Amino acid sequence: MNSGDIEKIILLAKRGDVSAAEKLAHVTVNIDSEKINDDTLRRLASLLDSPNGSVRLWAAAAIGNFGARATEYAPRLQKIVSEEACNMTGLSAADTASSALNKMKITSVPFGCKD
C-alpha cells in the first residue's frame, strides 16, 4: 500500500466513514513507514481532530503503527488521553491514544478525572 492508496482511505474517514478509519489502522500495521510521505502522515494525523470518536480511535491506532516516526503527533495523542479518558466508557480514543504513545516509547501523561 502506498501514499496514494492511503490518501483515498483518509478522504473517506474525513467524511466520517468509520470503516475507512478502521481500515487505516489495519493497513498500517505492517507498513514500511518510509513508503508513506510526510504529507500523507500529516493528513492521517488530522483525523485525530475528527468530531467522531470512532474515527479518532482508529486514527490513533493507525498513527501508533508508525512508531517513532510519528512522535510529532504525540502531543495530540496526549491531549486525547487527558481530555477523553474521564468521559468515556469501554474502548475509547483515549485508550487507543495511550497504546499509540506506548508504541512510540512515550508514557502517556497521567490525567486527573474530576467527579
Protein backbone atom coordinates (compact mmCIF):
# COMPACT_ATOMS: atom_id res chain seq x y z
CA MET A 1 0.00 0.00 0.00
CA ASN A 2 1.38 3.41 -0.94
CA SER A 3 0.61 7.02 -0.01
CA GLY A 4 -1.95 7.37 -2.81
CA ASP A 5 -3.95 4.36 -1.61
CA ILE A 6 -3.88 5.61 1.96
CA GLU A 7 -4.89 9.13 0.84
CA LYS A 8 -8.10 7.70 -0.66
CA ILE A 9 -8.97 5.96 2.59
CA ILE A 10 -8.17 9.10 4.61
CA LEU A 11 -10.64 11.09 2.49
CA LEU A 12 -13.39 8.61 3.31
CA ALA A 13 -12.51 8.68 7.01
CA LYS A 14 -12.55 12.51 6.97
CA ARG A 15 -16.17 12.25 5.85
CA GLY A 16 -16.92 10.22 8.98
CA ASP A 17 -16.63 6.75 7.43
CA VAL A 18 -15.66 4.69 10.48
CA SER A 19 -14.97 1.56 8.41
CA ALA A 20 -12.42 3.56 6.38
CA ALA A 21 -10.77 4.77 9.58
CA GLU A 22 -10.66 1.19 10.83
CA LYS A 23 -9.11 0.10 7.54
CA LEU A 24 -6.34 2.67 8.05
CA ALA A 25 -5.47 1.04 11.36
CA HIS A 26 -5.31 -2.38 9.73
CA VAL A 27 -3.37 -1.48 6.57
CA THR A 28 -0.72 0.40 8.53
CA VAL A 29 0.11 -2.47 10.91
CA ASN A 30 2.97 -3.88 8.85
CA ILE A 31 3.54 -0.97 6.51
CA ASP A 32 7.00 0.22 5.58
CA SER A 33 6.59 3.70 7.03
CA GLU A 34 9.24 5.10 4.71
CA LYS A 35 6.90 4.46 1.76
CA ILE A 36 4.39 6.89 3.24
CA ASN A 37 5.26 10.53 2.68
CA ASP A 38 5.10 13.20 5.37
CA ASP A 39 2.04 14.91 3.85
CA THR A 40 0.08 11.67 3.95
CA LEU A 41 1.11 11.04 7.54
CA ARG A 42 0.05 14.61 8.42
CA ARG A 43 -3.36 14.09 6.79
CA LEU A 44 -3.74 10.81 8.65
CA ALA A 45 -2.91 12.59 11.92
CA SER A 46 -5.53 15.24 11.13
CA LEU A 47 -8.13 12.53 11.76
CA LEU A 48 -7.23 12.80 15.44
CA ASP A 49 -9.32 16.00 15.36
CA SER A 50 -12.40 14.30 13.93
CA PRO A 51 -15.67 15.03 15.74
CA ASN A 52 -16.35 11.28 15.51
CA GLY A 53 -14.85 9.39 18.47
CA SER A 54 -14.61 6.15 16.50
CA VAL A 55 -12.65 7.86 13.74
CA ARG A 56 -10.31 9.32 16.39
CA LEU A 57 -9.92 5.87 17.93
CA TRP A 58 -8.88 4.22 14.64
CA ALA A 59 -6.72 7.19 13.65
CA ALA A 60 -4.82 6.88 16.93
CA ALA A 61 -4.29 3.19 16.23
CA ALA A 62 -3.00 3.95 12.72
CA ILE A 63 -0.67 6.71 13.95
CA GLY A 64 0.70 4.34 16.58
CA ASN A 65 1.63 1.90 13.84
CA PHE A 66 4.20 4.43 12.63
CA GLY A 67 6.02 4.28 15.98
CA ALA A 68 8.88 6.72 16.42
CA ARG A 69 8.26 8.25 13.01
CA ALA A 70 5.01 9.72 14.34
CA THR A 71 6.30 11.22 17.58
CA GLU A 72 5.47 14.73 16.41
CA TYR A 73 1.81 13.75 16.91
CA ALA A 74 2.42 12.60 20.49
CA PRO A 75 1.15 15.91 21.97
CA ARG A 76 -2.19 15.46 20.17
CA LEU A 77 -2.39 11.86 21.40
CA GLN A 78 -1.58 13.07 24.91
CA LYS A 79 -4.38 15.61 24.63
CA ILE A 80 -6.84 12.90 23.63
CA VAL A 81 -5.77 10.83 26.63
CA SER A 82 -6.22 13.70 29.05
CA GLU A 83 -9.48 15.05 27.58
CA GLU A 84 -11.32 11.86 26.79
CA ALA A 85 -10.23 9.25 29.31
CA CYS A 86 -12.52 10.52 32.04
CA ASN A 87 -15.55 10.89 29.82
CA MET A 88 -15.63 7.56 28.03
CA THR A 89 -16.69 4.07 28.95
CA GLY A 90 -15.49 0.98 27.14
CA LEU A 91 -12.87 1.21 24.42
CA SER A 92 -12.19 4.83 23.58
CA ALA A 93 -9.90 7.02 21.56
CA ALA A 94 -8.08 7.75 24.83
CA ASP A 95 -7.27 4.05 25.29
CA THR A 96 -6.04 3.77 21.73
CA ALA A 97 -4.07 7.02 22.00
CA SER A 98 -2.31 5.61 25.09
CA SER A 99 -1.48 2.46 23.14
CA ALA A 100 -0.16 4.54 20.24
CA LEU A 101 2.07 6.51 22.61
CA ASN A 102 3.39 3.24 24.05
CA LYS A 103 4.38 2.15 20.52
CA MET A 104 6.37 5.39 20.31
CA LYS A 105 8.04 4.56 23.65
CA ILE A 106 6.29 7.56 25.23
CA THR A 107 4.44 7.29 28.52
CA SER A 108 1.05 8.91 28.35
CA VAL A 109 0.54 11.91 30.57
CA PRO A 110 -1.30 10.98 33.74
CA PHE A 111 -4.69 12.56 33.87
CA GLY A 112 -6.89 13.53 36.75
CA CYS A 113 -10.57 12.80 36.46
CA LYS A 114 -12.88 15.15 38.29
CA ASP A 115 -16.17 13.98 39.71
